[in-house]
Amino acid sequence: MLSLQLVQAQDIITKRTGESVQAKVLEITPGEVKYRRYERPDGPLYTIAKADVLLIQYEDKSEEIFETDGYVPPAEPTQQAAITNYYGKGQMDAENFYQNYKGASTGTLIASLVSPLVGLIPAIACSTTPPKEHNLDYPSHELMQHQDYQSGYKQRSRKIKSKKVWTNWGIALGVNVVLVYMLSQ
C-alpha cells in the first residue's frame, strides 16, 4: 500500500532556469534538494543545489518558494530569468487553477442560444473585462504578492475567460444554424 502511494505522489520542482521536473522530493538540506524522478520512483537519487530551485509544488498543492540570496542563474546573468520564472509560473497556475469563468461563459451561451446577435452583447462585454479579483482562484496568496507572478496569472486568466466565452458563443451560433437548417427542410 505504501509503495502505491509513493508512485502516485508527484511534486513539481521548478528550477530558476524555468525547467520543471516531475519528482518525489525526498529530502531538503540547507544546500540541496534530493529527489527521484516521478516516472522512475525506484530509479536513481538526484540532487540539485537548493540555489538552483525557484519553488517546489508538492502533491497536496502546497508550495515552498526558495529565496535567491543574490543568486543569478548562469544562463542569464540578469534579473530577467527570475521575472520570466514568476511570470511563467503565474501563467501555468492560471491554466491549472482558474475556473471561475463559468458564469460569463454560461451566460453567453444562454443568451446566444436565444439569438446569436443578442449573445454578442455578453460575449463582447465578458471577453473584454478582466476576471474579478475574487474569481481568480489563485493557489497562493504569497505568490500573488510578486508583481510578475500576478501579471502572468491575470493575463492568462483573462485569455482563458475570453476563449471560453467565444467558444460558447460559437457553439450557440452552430446550434442556431443547425436548427434553422432543420426547420427549413
N, C-alpha and C. Protein backbone atom coordinates (compact mmCIF):
# COMPACT_ATOMS: atom_id res chain seq x y z
N MET A 1 0.83 -1.19 0.00
CA MET A 1 0.00 0.00 0.00
C MET A 1 0.87 1.26 0.00
N LEU A 2 1.95 1.26 0.78
CA LEU A 2 2.84 2.40 0.85
C LEU A 2 3.52 2.66 -0.48
N SER A 3 3.95 1.61 -1.18
CA SER A 3 4.61 1.81 -2.47
C SER A 3 3.65 2.39 -3.50
N LEU A 4 2.36 2.05 -3.41
CA LEU A 4 1.38 2.62 -4.33
C LEU A 4 1.23 4.11 -4.08
N GLN A 5 1.26 4.55 -2.84
CA GLN A 5 1.16 5.97 -2.53
C GLN A 5 2.38 6.72 -3.04
N LEU A 6 3.55 6.13 -2.98
CA LEU A 6 4.76 6.78 -3.48
C LEU A 6 4.70 6.96 -4.99
N VAL A 7 4.15 5.97 -5.68
CA VAL A 7 4.05 6.05 -7.13
C VAL A 7 3.09 7.17 -7.54
N GLN A 8 2.00 7.35 -6.78
CA GLN A 8 1.02 8.35 -7.14
C GLN A 8 1.42 9.76 -6.69
N ALA A 9 2.37 9.85 -5.76
CA ALA A 9 2.80 11.15 -5.25
C ALA A 9 3.63 11.87 -6.31
N GLN A 10 3.28 13.11 -6.58
CA GLN A 10 4.01 13.88 -7.59
C GLN A 10 4.23 15.30 -7.09
N ASP A 11 5.49 15.66 -7.00
CA ASP A 11 5.87 17.02 -6.68
C ASP A 11 6.43 17.63 -7.96
N ILE A 12 6.37 18.94 -8.07
CA ILE A 12 6.94 19.62 -9.23
C ILE A 12 8.01 20.58 -8.74
N ILE A 13 9.24 20.33 -9.18
CA ILE A 13 10.37 21.20 -8.84
C ILE A 13 10.54 22.16 -10.01
N THR A 14 10.45 23.45 -9.75
CA THR A 14 10.68 24.45 -10.79
C THR A 14 12.04 25.07 -10.54
N LYS A 15 12.93 24.89 -11.53
CA LYS A 15 14.28 25.42 -11.40
C LYS A 15 14.28 26.90 -11.80
N ARG A 16 15.31 27.61 -11.42
CA ARG A 16 15.44 29.04 -11.75
C ARG A 16 15.58 29.25 -13.25
N THR A 17 15.96 28.23 -13.98
CA THR A 17 16.09 28.35 -15.43
C THR A 17 14.73 28.25 -16.12
N GLY A 18 13.68 27.90 -15.35
CA GLY A 18 12.35 27.76 -15.93
C GLY A 18 11.96 26.31 -16.15
N GLU A 19 12.92 25.40 -16.09
CA GLU A 19 12.64 23.98 -16.30
C GLU A 19 11.87 23.42 -15.12
N SER A 20 10.89 22.56 -15.39
CA SER A 20 10.13 21.90 -14.34
C SER A 20 10.44 20.41 -14.37
N VAL A 21 10.54 19.81 -13.19
CA VAL A 21 10.83 18.39 -13.06
C VAL A 21 9.72 17.75 -12.24
N GLN A 22 9.08 16.72 -12.78
CA GLN A 22 8.10 15.96 -12.02
C GLN A 22 8.88 14.99 -11.16
N ALA A 23 8.66 15.05 -9.85
CA ALA A 23 9.52 14.30 -8.94
C ALA A 23 8.78 13.91 -7.68
N LYS A 24 9.48 13.18 -6.84
CA LYS A 24 9.07 12.93 -5.46
C LYS A 24 10.23 13.44 -4.62
N VAL A 25 10.03 14.57 -3.95
CA VAL A 25 11.07 15.16 -3.13
C VAL A 25 11.24 14.29 -1.89
N LEU A 26 12.48 13.90 -1.63
CA LEU A 26 12.77 13.02 -0.51
C LEU A 26 13.39 13.75 0.68
N GLU A 27 14.22 14.76 0.38
CA GLU A 27 14.91 15.46 1.46
C GLU A 27 15.34 16.84 0.99
N ILE A 28 15.23 17.81 1.89
CA ILE A 28 15.73 19.16 1.63
C ILE A 28 16.71 19.47 2.75
N THR A 29 17.96 19.69 2.35
CA THR A 29 19.01 20.04 3.31
C THR A 29 19.30 21.53 3.16
N PRO A 30 20.16 22.11 3.99
CA PRO A 30 20.46 23.53 3.83
C PRO A 30 21.02 23.91 2.45
N GLY A 31 21.63 22.96 1.76
CA GLY A 31 22.22 23.31 0.46
C GLY A 31 21.69 22.54 -0.73
N GLU A 32 20.89 21.48 -0.49
CA GLU A 32 20.48 20.61 -1.60
C GLU A 32 19.02 20.16 -1.48
N VAL A 33 18.49 19.74 -2.63
CA VAL A 33 17.18 19.09 -2.68
C VAL A 33 17.42 17.72 -3.30
N LYS A 34 17.00 16.68 -2.60
CA LYS A 34 17.18 15.31 -3.10
C LYS A 34 15.82 14.77 -3.51
N TYR A 35 15.79 14.13 -4.69
CA TYR A 35 14.52 13.66 -5.23
C TYR A 35 14.73 12.47 -6.16
N ARG A 36 13.63 11.82 -6.47
CA ARG A 36 13.60 10.79 -7.52
C ARG A 36 12.63 11.28 -8.58
N ARG A 37 12.90 10.97 -9.81
CA ARG A 37 12.02 11.36 -10.90
C ARG A 37 10.68 10.63 -10.76
N TYR A 38 9.61 11.33 -11.05
CA TYR A 38 8.25 10.78 -10.91
C TYR A 38 8.06 9.52 -11.75
N GLU A 39 8.59 9.55 -12.98
CA GLU A 39 8.39 8.42 -13.87
C GLU A 39 9.26 7.21 -13.51
N ARG A 40 10.25 7.41 -12.60
CA ARG A 40 11.12 6.32 -12.16
C ARG A 40 11.27 6.35 -10.64
N PRO A 41 10.20 5.98 -9.91
CA PRO A 41 10.24 6.10 -8.45
C PRO A 41 11.29 5.21 -7.79
N ASP A 42 11.72 4.16 -8.47
CA ASP A 42 12.76 3.29 -7.93
C ASP A 42 14.11 3.57 -8.60
N GLY A 43 14.16 4.62 -9.40
CA GLY A 43 15.38 4.97 -10.13
C GLY A 43 16.40 5.65 -9.25
N PRO A 44 17.38 6.27 -9.90
CA PRO A 44 18.47 6.90 -9.14
C PRO A 44 18.00 8.11 -8.32
N LEU A 45 18.75 8.41 -7.29
CA LEU A 45 18.50 9.57 -6.44
C LEU A 45 19.21 10.75 -7.08
N TYR A 46 18.47 11.83 -7.33
CA TYR A 46 19.03 13.04 -7.92
C TYR A 46 19.21 14.08 -6.83
N THR A 47 20.22 14.91 -7.01
CA THR A 47 20.49 16.00 -6.09
C THR A 47 20.66 17.27 -6.90
N ILE A 48 20.01 18.34 -6.46
CA ILE A 48 20.13 19.63 -7.11
C ILE A 48 20.47 20.67 -6.04
N ALA A 49 21.31 21.61 -6.39
CA ALA A 49 21.65 22.68 -5.44
C ALA A 49 20.39 23.47 -5.12
N LYS A 50 20.18 23.75 -3.86
CA LYS A 50 18.99 24.49 -3.42
C LYS A 50 18.94 25.87 -4.08
N ALA A 51 20.11 26.45 -4.37
CA ALA A 51 20.17 27.76 -5.02
C ALA A 51 19.62 27.72 -6.44
N ASP A 52 19.56 26.52 -7.05
CA ASP A 52 19.05 26.38 -8.41
C ASP A 52 17.54 26.16 -8.45
N VAL A 53 16.90 26.06 -7.27
CA VAL A 53 15.47 25.78 -7.18
C VAL A 53 14.71 27.06 -6.90
N LEU A 54 13.70 27.35 -7.74
CA LEU A 54 12.83 28.51 -7.52
C LEU A 54 11.73 28.16 -6.54
N LEU A 55 11.02 27.04 -6.82
CA LEU A 55 9.95 26.61 -5.93
C LEU A 55 9.66 25.15 -6.13
N ILE A 56 9.02 24.58 -5.13
CA ILE A 56 8.54 23.20 -5.21
C ILE A 56 7.05 23.23 -4.92
N GLN A 57 6.27 22.65 -5.84
CA GLN A 57 4.84 22.49 -5.61
C GLN A 57 4.64 21.02 -5.25
N TYR A 58 4.19 20.79 -4.01
CA TYR A 58 4.04 19.43 -3.52
C TYR A 58 2.74 18.82 -4.01
N GLU A 59 2.63 17.51 -3.85
CA GLU A 59 1.47 16.78 -4.34
C GLU A 59 0.16 17.30 -3.77
N ASP A 60 0.19 17.87 -2.56
CA ASP A 60 -1.02 18.40 -1.95
C ASP A 60 -1.31 19.84 -2.38
N LYS A 61 -0.56 20.32 -3.38
CA LYS A 61 -0.69 21.67 -3.97
C LYS A 61 -0.13 22.77 -3.08
N SER A 62 0.47 22.42 -1.95
CA SER A 62 1.17 23.44 -1.17
C SER A 62 2.49 23.74 -1.88
N GLU A 63 3.04 24.91 -1.61
CA GLU A 63 4.25 25.32 -2.31
C GLU A 63 5.29 25.84 -1.34
N GLU A 64 6.53 25.67 -1.73
CA GLU A 64 7.64 26.21 -0.97
C GLU A 64 8.49 27.02 -1.95
N ILE A 65 8.64 28.31 -1.66
CA ILE A 65 9.42 29.21 -2.51
C ILE A 65 10.80 29.36 -1.90
N PHE A 66 11.83 29.26 -2.73
CA PHE A 66 13.20 29.38 -2.26
C PHE A 66 13.74 30.73 -2.66
N GLU A 67 14.12 31.52 -1.65
CA GLU A 67 14.66 32.86 -1.90
C GLU A 67 16.01 32.75 -2.59
N THR A 68 16.35 33.81 -3.32
CA THR A 68 17.55 33.77 -4.14
C THR A 68 18.83 34.08 -3.39
N ASP A 69 18.79 34.90 -2.35
CA ASP A 69 20.00 35.33 -1.65
C ASP A 69 21.04 35.86 -2.63
N GLY A 70 20.59 36.62 -3.63
CA GLY A 70 21.50 37.20 -4.60
C GLY A 70 21.88 36.27 -5.72
N TYR A 71 21.29 35.08 -5.77
CA TYR A 71 21.62 34.11 -6.82
C TYR A 71 21.19 34.63 -8.18
N VAL A 72 22.05 34.47 -9.16
CA VAL A 72 21.74 34.81 -10.55
C VAL A 72 22.00 33.56 -11.38
N PRO A 73 21.01 33.07 -12.14
CA PRO A 73 21.22 31.85 -12.92
C PRO A 73 22.35 32.01 -13.91
N PRO A 74 23.14 30.96 -14.13
CA PRO A 74 24.27 31.07 -15.04
C PRO A 74 23.87 31.34 -16.48
N ALA A 75 22.72 30.84 -16.92
CA ALA A 75 22.32 31.01 -18.31
C ALA A 75 21.94 32.46 -18.62
N GLU A 76 21.44 33.18 -17.63
CA GLU A 76 21.03 34.57 -17.83
C GLU A 76 21.58 35.41 -16.69
N PRO A 77 22.59 36.22 -16.94
CA PRO A 77 23.21 36.97 -15.86
C PRO A 77 22.41 38.20 -15.43
N THR A 78 21.17 38.34 -15.85
CA THR A 78 20.34 39.47 -15.46
C THR A 78 19.18 38.99 -14.60
N GLN A 79 18.35 39.91 -14.15
CA GLN A 79 17.18 39.55 -13.37
C GLN A 79 16.06 39.02 -14.26
N GLN A 80 16.25 39.02 -15.56
CA GLN A 80 15.22 38.58 -16.49
C GLN A 80 14.79 37.14 -16.21
N ALA A 81 15.72 36.30 -15.77
CA ALA A 81 15.38 34.90 -15.50
C ALA A 81 14.36 34.79 -14.38
N ALA A 82 14.56 35.50 -13.28
CA ALA A 82 13.62 35.45 -12.16
C ALA A 82 12.27 36.00 -12.58
N ILE A 83 12.25 37.09 -13.34
CA ILE A 83 11.00 37.67 -13.82
C ILE A 83 10.26 36.68 -14.69
N THR A 84 10.97 36.06 -15.62
CA THR A 84 10.38 35.07 -16.52
C THR A 84 9.82 33.90 -15.73
N ASN A 85 10.55 33.45 -14.71
CA ASN A 85 10.09 32.32 -13.92
C ASN A 85 8.79 32.62 -13.18
N TYR A 86 8.71 33.76 -12.51
CA TYR A 86 7.48 34.11 -11.80
C TYR A 86 6.33 34.35 -12.77
N TYR A 87 6.59 35.02 -13.86
CA TYR A 87 5.56 35.28 -14.86
C TYR A 87 5.05 33.95 -15.44
N GLY A 88 5.97 33.08 -15.82
CA GLY A 88 5.60 31.78 -16.37
C GLY A 88 4.87 30.92 -15.37
N LYS A 89 5.31 30.95 -14.11
CA LYS A 89 4.63 30.20 -13.06
C LYS A 89 3.21 30.71 -12.89
N GLY A 90 3.03 32.03 -12.96
CA GLY A 90 1.69 32.60 -12.86
C GLY A 90 0.79 32.12 -13.99
N GLN A 91 1.33 32.10 -15.20
CA GLN A 91 0.53 31.63 -16.34
C GLN A 91 0.20 30.14 -16.20
N MET A 92 1.18 29.36 -15.77
CA MET A 92 0.96 27.92 -15.60
C MET A 92 -0.09 27.66 -14.52
N ASP A 93 -0.02 28.40 -13.40
CA ASP A 93 -1.00 28.22 -12.34
C ASP A 93 -2.40 28.64 -12.79
N ALA A 94 -2.50 29.67 -13.60
CA ALA A 94 -3.82 30.09 -14.11
C ALA A 94 -4.45 28.96 -14.93
N GLU A 95 -3.63 28.29 -15.73
CA GLU A 95 -4.13 27.15 -16.51
C GLU A 95 -4.66 26.05 -15.59
N ASN A 96 -4.01 25.85 -14.46
CA ASN A 96 -4.38 24.77 -13.56
C ASN A 96 -5.49 25.12 -12.57
N PHE A 97 -5.59 26.39 -12.17
CA PHE A 97 -6.49 26.74 -11.08
C PHE A 97 -7.67 27.64 -11.45
N TYR A 98 -7.53 28.50 -12.44
CA TYR A 98 -8.60 29.45 -12.75
C TYR A 98 -9.77 28.74 -13.43
N GLN A 99 -10.92 28.77 -12.78
CA GLN A 99 -12.11 28.13 -13.34
C GLN A 99 -13.38 28.94 -13.13
N ASN A 100 -13.27 30.14 -12.60
CA ASN A 100 -14.47 30.93 -12.33
C ASN A 100 -14.92 31.76 -13.53
N TYR A 101 -14.69 31.26 -14.72
CA TYR A 101 -15.17 31.90 -15.93
C TYR A 101 -16.55 31.35 -16.30
N LYS A 102 -17.02 30.37 -15.55
CA LYS A 102 -18.23 29.64 -15.93
C LYS A 102 -19.48 30.51 -15.98
N GLY A 103 -19.59 31.49 -15.10
CA GLY A 103 -20.76 32.37 -15.13
C GLY A 103 -20.79 33.18 -16.42
N ALA A 104 -19.65 33.71 -16.81
CA ALA A 104 -19.58 34.51 -18.04
C ALA A 104 -19.84 33.64 -19.27
N SER A 105 -19.23 32.47 -19.30
CA SER A 105 -19.38 31.62 -20.49
C SER A 105 -20.78 31.01 -20.57
N THR A 106 -21.36 30.65 -19.43
CA THR A 106 -22.72 30.09 -19.43
C THR A 106 -23.74 31.16 -19.80
N GLY A 107 -23.58 32.37 -19.26
CA GLY A 107 -24.49 33.46 -19.62
C GLY A 107 -24.44 33.78 -21.10
N THR A 108 -23.24 33.76 -21.67
CA THR A 108 -23.09 33.99 -23.12
C THR A 108 -23.77 32.88 -23.90
N LEU A 109 -23.59 31.64 -23.47
CA LEU A 109 -24.21 30.51 -24.15
C LEU A 109 -25.73 30.63 -24.15
N ILE A 110 -26.31 30.92 -23.01
CA ILE A 110 -27.77 31.01 -22.91
C ILE A 110 -28.31 32.15 -23.76
N ALA A 111 -27.68 33.31 -23.65
CA ALA A 111 -28.13 34.46 -24.45
C ALA A 111 -27.97 34.18 -25.94
N SER A 112 -26.91 33.50 -26.31
CA SER A 112 -26.64 33.22 -27.72
C SER A 112 -27.55 32.13 -28.27
N LEU A 113 -28.02 31.23 -27.41
CA LEU A 113 -28.98 30.23 -27.86
C LEU A 113 -30.30 30.90 -28.21
N VAL A 114 -30.66 31.95 -27.46
CA VAL A 114 -31.87 32.71 -27.77
C VAL A 114 -31.69 33.40 -29.11
N SER A 115 -30.56 34.06 -29.27
CA SER A 115 -30.24 34.73 -30.53
C SER A 115 -28.74 35.02 -30.55
N PRO A 116 -28.02 34.57 -31.57
CA PRO A 116 -26.59 34.86 -31.65
C PRO A 116 -26.28 36.36 -31.63
N LEU A 117 -27.18 37.17 -32.21
CA LEU A 117 -26.94 38.61 -32.18
C LEU A 117 -27.07 39.17 -30.77
N VAL A 118 -28.07 38.70 -30.03
CA VAL A 118 -28.23 39.12 -28.64
C VAL A 118 -27.04 38.60 -27.82
N GLY A 119 -26.56 37.41 -28.14
CA GLY A 119 -25.44 36.81 -27.44
C GLY A 119 -24.13 37.55 -27.64
N LEU A 120 -24.05 38.36 -28.70
CA LEU A 120 -22.84 39.15 -28.92
C LEU A 120 -22.60 40.17 -27.80
N ILE A 121 -23.68 40.67 -27.23
CA ILE A 121 -23.55 41.69 -26.17
C ILE A 121 -22.80 41.12 -24.96
N PRO A 122 -23.25 40.01 -24.36
CA PRO A 122 -22.47 39.49 -23.23
C PRO A 122 -21.11 38.93 -23.66
N ALA A 123 -21.02 38.41 -24.88
CA ALA A 123 -19.73 37.87 -25.35
C ALA A 123 -18.68 38.97 -25.40
N ILE A 124 -19.03 40.10 -25.96
CA ILE A 124 -18.09 41.22 -26.06
C ILE A 124 -17.79 41.78 -24.67
N ALA A 125 -18.85 41.96 -23.88
CA ALA A 125 -18.66 42.53 -22.53
C ALA A 125 -17.79 41.62 -21.66
N CYS A 126 -18.06 40.33 -21.69
CA CYS A 126 -17.32 39.39 -20.83
C CYS A 126 -15.89 39.17 -21.31
N SER A 127 -15.68 39.18 -22.61
CA SER A 127 -14.33 38.90 -23.11
C SER A 127 -13.41 40.11 -23.03
N THR A 128 -13.96 41.29 -22.88
CA THR A 128 -13.12 42.49 -22.79
C THR A 128 -12.85 42.94 -21.36
N THR A 129 -13.54 42.35 -20.39
CA THR A 129 -13.29 42.73 -19.00
C THR A 129 -12.44 41.65 -18.32
N PRO A 130 -11.48 42.06 -17.51
CA PRO A 130 -10.66 41.07 -16.81
C PRO A 130 -11.48 40.38 -15.72
N PRO A 131 -11.07 39.18 -15.33
CA PRO A 131 -11.77 38.49 -14.24
C PRO A 131 -11.67 39.31 -12.95
N LYS A 132 -12.72 39.26 -12.16
CA LYS A 132 -12.71 39.96 -10.88
C LYS A 132 -11.74 39.27 -9.93
N GLU A 133 -11.18 40.05 -9.03
CA GLU A 133 -10.17 39.54 -8.10
C GLU A 133 -10.67 38.31 -7.33
N HIS A 134 -11.92 38.34 -6.86
CA HIS A 134 -12.43 37.22 -6.06
C HIS A 134 -12.74 35.98 -6.91
N ASN A 135 -12.68 36.09 -8.22
CA ASN A 135 -12.92 34.94 -9.10
C ASN A 135 -11.64 34.29 -9.61
N LEU A 136 -10.48 34.78 -9.22
CA LEU A 136 -9.23 34.30 -9.80
C LEU A 136 -8.81 32.90 -9.34
N ASP A 137 -9.21 32.48 -8.16
CA ASP A 137 -8.87 31.14 -7.65
C ASP A 137 -7.37 30.87 -7.61
N TYR A 138 -6.55 31.86 -7.32
CA TYR A 138 -5.12 31.62 -7.32
C TYR A 138 -4.74 30.73 -6.13
N PRO A 139 -3.71 29.89 -6.34
CA PRO A 139 -3.39 28.88 -5.32
C PRO A 139 -2.60 29.40 -4.13
N SER A 140 -1.92 30.54 -4.28
CA SER A 140 -1.04 31.01 -3.23
C SER A 140 -1.12 32.53 -3.09
N HIS A 141 -1.51 32.97 -1.92
CA HIS A 141 -1.59 34.41 -1.67
C HIS A 141 -0.20 35.04 -1.69
N GLU A 142 0.80 34.28 -1.21
CA GLU A 142 2.17 34.79 -1.20
C GLU A 142 2.68 35.03 -2.62
N LEU A 143 2.40 34.09 -3.52
CA LEU A 143 2.86 34.27 -4.90
C LEU A 143 2.20 35.46 -5.56
N MET A 144 0.93 35.72 -5.22
CA MET A 144 0.24 36.86 -5.83
C MET A 144 0.83 38.20 -5.38
N GLN A 145 1.68 38.18 -4.37
CA GLN A 145 2.35 39.40 -3.94
C GLN A 145 3.48 39.77 -4.90
N HIS A 146 3.98 38.80 -5.67
CA HIS A 146 5.02 39.06 -6.67
C HIS A 146 4.34 39.64 -7.91
N GLN A 147 4.75 40.83 -8.30
CA GLN A 147 4.11 41.52 -9.42
C GLN A 147 4.16 40.70 -10.71
N ASP A 148 5.29 40.03 -10.98
CA ASP A 148 5.42 39.27 -12.21
C ASP A 148 4.51 38.04 -12.21
N TYR A 149 4.41 37.36 -11.07
CA TYR A 149 3.51 36.22 -10.96
C TYR A 149 2.07 36.68 -11.17
N GLN A 150 1.69 37.76 -10.48
CA GLN A 150 0.34 38.30 -10.57
C GLN A 150 0.00 38.68 -12.01
N SER A 151 0.94 39.33 -12.68
CA SER A 151 0.72 39.74 -14.06
C SER A 151 0.51 38.54 -14.97
N GLY A 152 1.35 37.52 -14.82
CA GLY A 152 1.21 36.31 -15.63
C GLY A 152 -0.10 35.59 -15.35
N TYR A 153 -0.47 35.49 -14.07
CA TYR A 153 -1.70 34.80 -13.69
C TYR A 153 -2.93 35.53 -14.25
N LYS A 154 -2.95 36.86 -14.06
CA LYS A 154 -4.12 37.63 -14.51
C LYS A 154 -4.24 37.64 -16.03
N GLN A 155 -3.12 37.76 -16.72
CA GLN A 155 -3.16 37.77 -18.19
C GLN A 155 -3.69 36.45 -18.73
N ARG A 156 -3.18 35.33 -18.20
CA ARG A 156 -3.63 34.02 -18.68
C ARG A 156 -5.09 33.78 -18.31
N SER A 157 -5.51 34.21 -17.12
CA SER A 157 -6.92 34.05 -16.70
C SER A 157 -7.84 34.80 -17.65
N ARG A 158 -7.43 35.99 -18.05
CA ARG A 158 -8.25 36.79 -18.97
C ARG A 158 -8.37 36.10 -20.32
N LYS A 159 -7.28 35.51 -20.80
CA LYS A 159 -7.32 34.79 -22.08
C LYS A 159 -8.20 33.56 -21.98
N ILE A 160 -8.10 32.84 -20.86
CA ILE A 160 -8.94 31.65 -20.67
C ILE A 160 -10.41 32.04 -20.67
N LYS A 161 -10.75 33.08 -19.93
CA LYS A 161 -12.14 33.55 -19.86
C LYS A 161 -12.64 33.94 -21.25
N SER A 162 -11.86 34.71 -21.97
CA SER A 162 -12.24 35.16 -23.30
C SER A 162 -12.45 33.97 -24.25
N LYS A 163 -11.53 33.01 -24.19
CA LYS A 163 -11.63 31.83 -25.07
C LYS A 163 -12.89 31.04 -24.76
N LYS A 164 -13.20 30.83 -23.50
CA LYS A 164 -14.40 30.07 -23.12
C LYS A 164 -15.67 30.81 -23.55
N VAL A 165 -15.69 32.13 -23.37
CA VAL A 165 -16.87 32.92 -23.76
C VAL A 165 -17.11 32.80 -25.26
N TRP A 166 -16.07 33.00 -26.06
CA TRP A 166 -16.24 32.95 -27.51
C TRP A 166 -16.50 31.53 -28.02
N THR A 167 -15.97 30.53 -27.34
CA THR A 167 -16.28 29.15 -27.69
C THR A 167 -17.76 28.88 -27.49
N ASN A 168 -18.32 29.32 -26.36
CA ASN A 168 -19.75 29.12 -26.11
C ASN A 168 -20.62 29.92 -27.08
N TRP A 169 -20.17 31.11 -27.45
CA TRP A 169 -20.93 31.87 -28.44
C TRP A 169 -20.94 31.12 -29.77
N GLY A 170 -19.79 30.55 -30.15
CA GLY A 170 -19.70 29.78 -31.39
C GLY A 170 -20.57 28.53 -31.36
N ILE A 171 -20.60 27.86 -30.21
CA ILE A 171 -21.45 26.67 -30.07
C ILE A 171 -22.91 27.05 -30.26
N ALA A 172 -23.33 28.12 -29.62
CA ALA A 172 -24.73 28.57 -29.75
C ALA A 172 -25.04 28.98 -31.18
N LEU A 173 -24.11 29.65 -31.84
CA LEU A 173 -24.31 30.01 -33.25
C LEU A 173 -24.49 28.75 -34.09
N GLY A 174 -23.65 27.74 -33.85
CA GLY A 174 -23.76 26.48 -34.59
C GLY A 174 -25.10 25.80 -34.36
N VAL A 175 -25.57 25.80 -33.11
CA VAL A 175 -26.86 25.19 -32.79
C VAL A 175 -27.97 25.93 -33.53
N ASN A 176 -27.91 27.26 -33.55
CA ASN A 176 -28.93 28.05 -34.25
C ASN A 176 -28.91 27.79 -35.75
N VAL A 177 -27.74 27.68 -36.34
CA VAL A 177 -27.63 27.39 -37.78
C VAL A 177 -28.24 26.03 -38.09
N VAL A 178 -27.92 25.03 -37.26
CA VAL A 178 -28.47 23.68 -37.48
C VAL A 178 -29.99 23.71 -37.32
N LEU A 179 -30.51 24.41 -36.31
CA LEU A 179 -31.96 24.49 -36.12
C LEU A 179 -32.65 25.17 -37.31
N VAL A 180 -32.08 26.25 -37.80
CA VAL A 180 -32.65 26.94 -38.96
C VAL A 180 -32.65 26.02 -40.16
N TYR A 181 -31.56 25.31 -40.36
CA TYR A 181 -31.47 24.37 -41.48
C TYR A 181 -32.52 23.26 -41.37
N MET A 182 -32.65 22.69 -40.14
CA MET A 182 -33.62 21.60 -39.95
C MET A 182 -35.06 22.11 -40.13
N LEU A 183 -35.35 23.31 -39.68
CA LEU A 183 -36.69 23.85 -39.81
C LEU A 183 -37.03 24.22 -41.26
N SER A 184 -36.00 24.54 -42.02
CA SER A 184 -36.24 24.91 -43.43
C SER A 184 -36.44 23.68 -44.31
N GLN A 185 -36.15 22.52 -43.82
CA GLN A 185 -36.30 21.29 -44.61
C GLN A 185 -37.70 20.76 -44.61
